[in-house]
Protein backbone atom coordinates (compact mmCIF):
# COMPACT_ATOMS: atom_id res chain seq x y z
CA UNK A 1 -45.95 -11.94 -43.30
CA UNK A 2 -43.20 -10.88 -45.48
CA UNK A 3 -42.19 -13.01 -48.57
CA UNK A 4 -38.57 -12.83 -49.60
CA UNK A 5 -37.44 -13.29 -53.09
CA UNK A 6 -34.18 -14.87 -52.07
CA UNK A 7 -33.81 -18.18 -50.21
CA UNK A 8 -31.95 -18.47 -46.95
CA UNK A 9 -29.18 -20.36 -48.78
CA UNK A 10 -28.72 -17.64 -51.38
CA UNK A 11 -28.51 -15.02 -48.54
CA UNK A 12 -26.12 -17.17 -46.66
CA UNK A 13 -23.86 -17.63 -49.82
CA UNK A 14 -24.04 -13.92 -50.62
CA UNK A 15 -23.02 -12.90 -47.15
CA UNK A 16 -20.20 -15.41 -47.14
CA UNK A 17 -18.96 -13.78 -50.48
CA UNK A 18 -19.24 -10.26 -48.98
CA UNK A 19 -17.48 -11.07 -45.74
CA UNK A 20 -14.67 -12.77 -47.72
CA UNK A 21 -14.60 -10.36 -50.40
CA UNK A 22 -10.73 -9.93 -50.53
CA UNK A 23 -10.53 -6.49 -52.05
CA UNK A 24 -13.84 -6.63 -54.00
CA UNK A 25 -16.28 -3.87 -53.33
CA UNK A 26 -19.80 -4.60 -52.21
CA UNK A 27 -21.09 -3.04 -55.40
CA UNK A 28 -18.99 -5.53 -57.49
CA UNK A 29 -20.44 -8.46 -55.49
CA UNK A 30 -23.95 -7.03 -55.66
CA UNK A 31 -23.77 -6.77 -59.57
CA UNK A 32 -22.33 -10.51 -59.75
CA UNK A 33 -25.13 -11.74 -57.72
CA UNK A 34 -27.69 -9.63 -59.50
CA UNK A 35 -28.86 -8.04 -56.10
CA UNK A 36 -29.31 -4.41 -55.26
CA UNK A 37 -26.41 -3.00 -53.24
CA UNK A 38 -28.92 -1.76 -50.64
CA UNK A 39 -30.38 -5.09 -50.10
CA UNK A 40 -27.01 -6.80 -49.70
CA UNK A 41 -25.99 -4.18 -47.10
CA UNK A 42 -29.24 -4.74 -45.28
CA UNK A 43 -28.65 -8.52 -45.11
CA UNK A 44 -25.08 -7.51 -43.75
CA UNK A 45 -26.52 -5.36 -41.02
CA UNK A 46 -29.17 -8.01 -40.09
CA UNK A 47 -26.65 -10.83 -40.11
CA UNK A 48 -26.00 -12.31 -36.66
CA UNK A 49 -22.45 -12.27 -35.28
CA UNK A 50 -22.39 -16.06 -35.66
CA UNK A 51 -23.24 -15.72 -39.47
CA UNK A 52 -20.42 -13.23 -39.80
CA UNK A 53 -17.87 -15.47 -38.16
CA UNK A 54 -19.15 -18.49 -40.01
CA UNK A 55 -18.84 -16.67 -43.30
CA UNK A 56 -15.38 -15.67 -42.38
CA UNK A 57 -14.33 -19.30 -41.62
CA UNK A 58 -11.67 -20.61 -44.04
CA UNK A 59 -13.29 -22.16 -47.18
CA UNK A 60 -10.19 -23.60 -48.92
CA UNK A 61 -9.11 -26.90 -47.37
CA UNK A 62 -5.46 -25.72 -47.10
CA UNK A 63 -6.72 -22.65 -44.90
CA UNK A 64 -8.15 -24.85 -42.13
CA UNK A 65 -6.28 -24.90 -38.97
CA UNK A 66 -5.39 -28.14 -37.29
CA UNK A 67 -7.98 -27.60 -34.69
CA UNK A 68 -10.65 -26.89 -37.32
CA UNK A 69 -9.60 -30.00 -39.14
CA UNK A 70 -9.82 -32.17 -36.00
CA UNK A 71 -13.21 -30.61 -35.20
CA UNK A 72 -14.54 -31.42 -38.75
CA UNK A 73 -13.23 -35.07 -38.39
CA UNK A 74 -15.06 -35.29 -35.09
CA UNK A 75 -18.30 -33.93 -36.46
CA UNK A 76 -18.29 -36.11 -39.51
CA UNK A 77 -17.03 -39.41 -37.95
CA UNK A 78 -20.41 -41.27 -37.75
CA UNK A 79 -22.16 -39.60 -40.74
CA UNK A 80 -23.58 -41.78 -43.56
CA UNK A 81 -22.57 -40.80 -47.09
CA UNK A 82 -25.57 -38.56 -47.99
CA UNK A 83 -25.16 -36.60 -44.57
CA UNK A 84 -21.29 -36.39 -45.12
CA UNK A 85 -21.85 -35.03 -48.54
CA UNK A 86 -24.33 -32.36 -47.26
CA UNK A 87 -21.89 -31.47 -44.48
CA UNK A 88 -19.03 -31.14 -46.97
CA UNK A 89 -20.97 -28.92 -49.29
CA UNK A 90 -22.09 -26.76 -46.33
CA UNK A 91 -18.48 -26.20 -45.21
CA UNK A 92 -17.05 -25.87 -48.77
CA UNK A 93 -14.85 -28.97 -48.70
CA UNK A 94 -14.90 -32.45 -50.34
CA UNK A 95 -15.15 -35.94 -48.59
CA UNK A 96 -11.70 -36.75 -49.89
CA UNK A 97 -10.20 -33.69 -47.88
CA UNK A 98 -11.55 -35.33 -44.66
CA UNK A 99 -10.00 -38.64 -45.60
CA UNK A 100 -6.68 -36.94 -46.20
CA UNK A 101 -6.85 -35.15 -42.89
CA UNK A 102 -7.60 -38.32 -41.10
CA UNK A 103 -4.62 -40.12 -42.75
CA UNK A 104 -2.32 -37.13 -41.87
CA UNK A 105 -3.32 -37.14 -38.33
CA UNK A 106 -2.80 -40.96 -38.08
CA UNK A 107 0.59 -40.80 -39.86
CA UNK A 108 1.87 -37.85 -38.01
CA UNK A 109 0.97 -39.60 -34.69
CA UNK A 110 2.70 -42.87 -35.84
CA UNK A 111 5.74 -40.82 -36.95
CA UNK A 112 5.82 -39.12 -33.46
CA UNK A 113 5.52 -42.53 -31.71
CA UNK A 114 8.30 -43.85 -34.12
CA UNK A 115 10.59 -40.96 -33.29
CA UNK A 116 9.72 -41.18 -29.52
CA UNK A 117 10.76 -44.88 -29.67
CA UNK A 118 13.99 -44.07 -31.39
CA UNK A 119 14.75 -41.30 -28.83
CA UNK A 120 14.06 -43.56 -25.92
CA UNK A 121 16.26 -46.22 -27.39
CA UNK A 122 19.12 -43.78 -27.79
CA UNK A 123 18.54 -42.54 -24.30
CA UNK A 124 18.67 -46.06 -22.80
CA UNK A 125 21.88 -46.80 -24.74
CA UNK A 126 23.47 -43.58 -23.53
CA UNK A 127 22.39 -44.46 -19.87
CA UNK A 128 23.91 -47.94 -20.16
CA UNK A 129 27.13 -46.46 -21.41
CA UNK A 130 27.20 -43.82 -18.71
CA UNK A 131 26.56 -46.45 -16.00
CA UNK A 132 29.50 -48.65 -17.36
CA UNK A 133 31.69 -45.56 -17.27
CA UNK A 134 30.62 -44.64 -13.77
CA UNK A 135 31.34 -48.19 -12.51
CA UNK A 136 34.82 -48.10 -14.15
CA UNK A 137 35.48 -44.79 -12.56
CA UNK A 138 34.33 -45.91 -9.11
CA UNK A 139 36.70 -48.83 -9.34
CA UNK A 140 39.62 -46.63 -10.38
CA UNK A 141 38.75 -44.32 -7.52
CA UNK A 142 38.55 -47.12 -5.02
CA UNK A 143 41.94 -48.43 -6.33
CA UNK A 144 43.52 -44.92 -5.99
CA UNK A 145 42.18 -44.68 -2.45
CA UNK A 146 43.62 -48.07 -1.56
CA UNK A 147 47.12 -47.02 -2.98
CA UNK A 148 47.07 -43.81 -0.98
CA UNK A 149 46.29 -45.71 2.26
CA UNK A 150 49.08 -48.17 1.47
CA UNK A 151 51.47 -45.28 0.68
CA UNK A 152 50.64 -43.59 4.02
CA UNK A 153 51.13 -46.92 6.00
CA UNK A 154 54.35 -47.48 4.10
CA UNK A 155 55.61 -43.97 5.01
CA UNK A 156 54.57 -44.46 8.62
CA UNK A 157 56.66 -47.79 8.71
CA UNK A 158 59.69 -46.07 7.47
CA UNK A 159 59.34 -43.16 9.94
CA UNK A 160 59.00 -45.59 12.66
CA UNK A 161 62.12 -47.55 11.64
CA UNK A 162 64.08 -44.29 11.13
CA UNK A 163 63.60 -43.22 14.63
């Protein structure tokens, strides 16, 4: 049985820092963490692919995609305060971020519904106006057709009398 000097949480934190180093060298991070560079590199080699992608996931609340935010809201919906705080610490955000995201999703949905309602109202108004115009033009066309028929009959009568 091997005994490690470092906790799993420390290793996870160190790997997260390494995979998100943004221009820092592994040596620099190793010095910051007071860990040998070789040890840190071994942890990197032994890290599972899921740990690598988890470490690369966005840490700043502004970096989270809409899909990630929605997933976070879904995962934390029924959590009590202690579990919620633990989940937030694990994912590098605060509970107020989740509240803000929930509010943004709800507001954006209401704004969409409101804009759709306005659009529907405008389309109905336009439809009603077009129907009135169509009715007016149909009446004018019927009147013109009737006048043409009368004109032809009148011409036919004049031709009959002329002969």
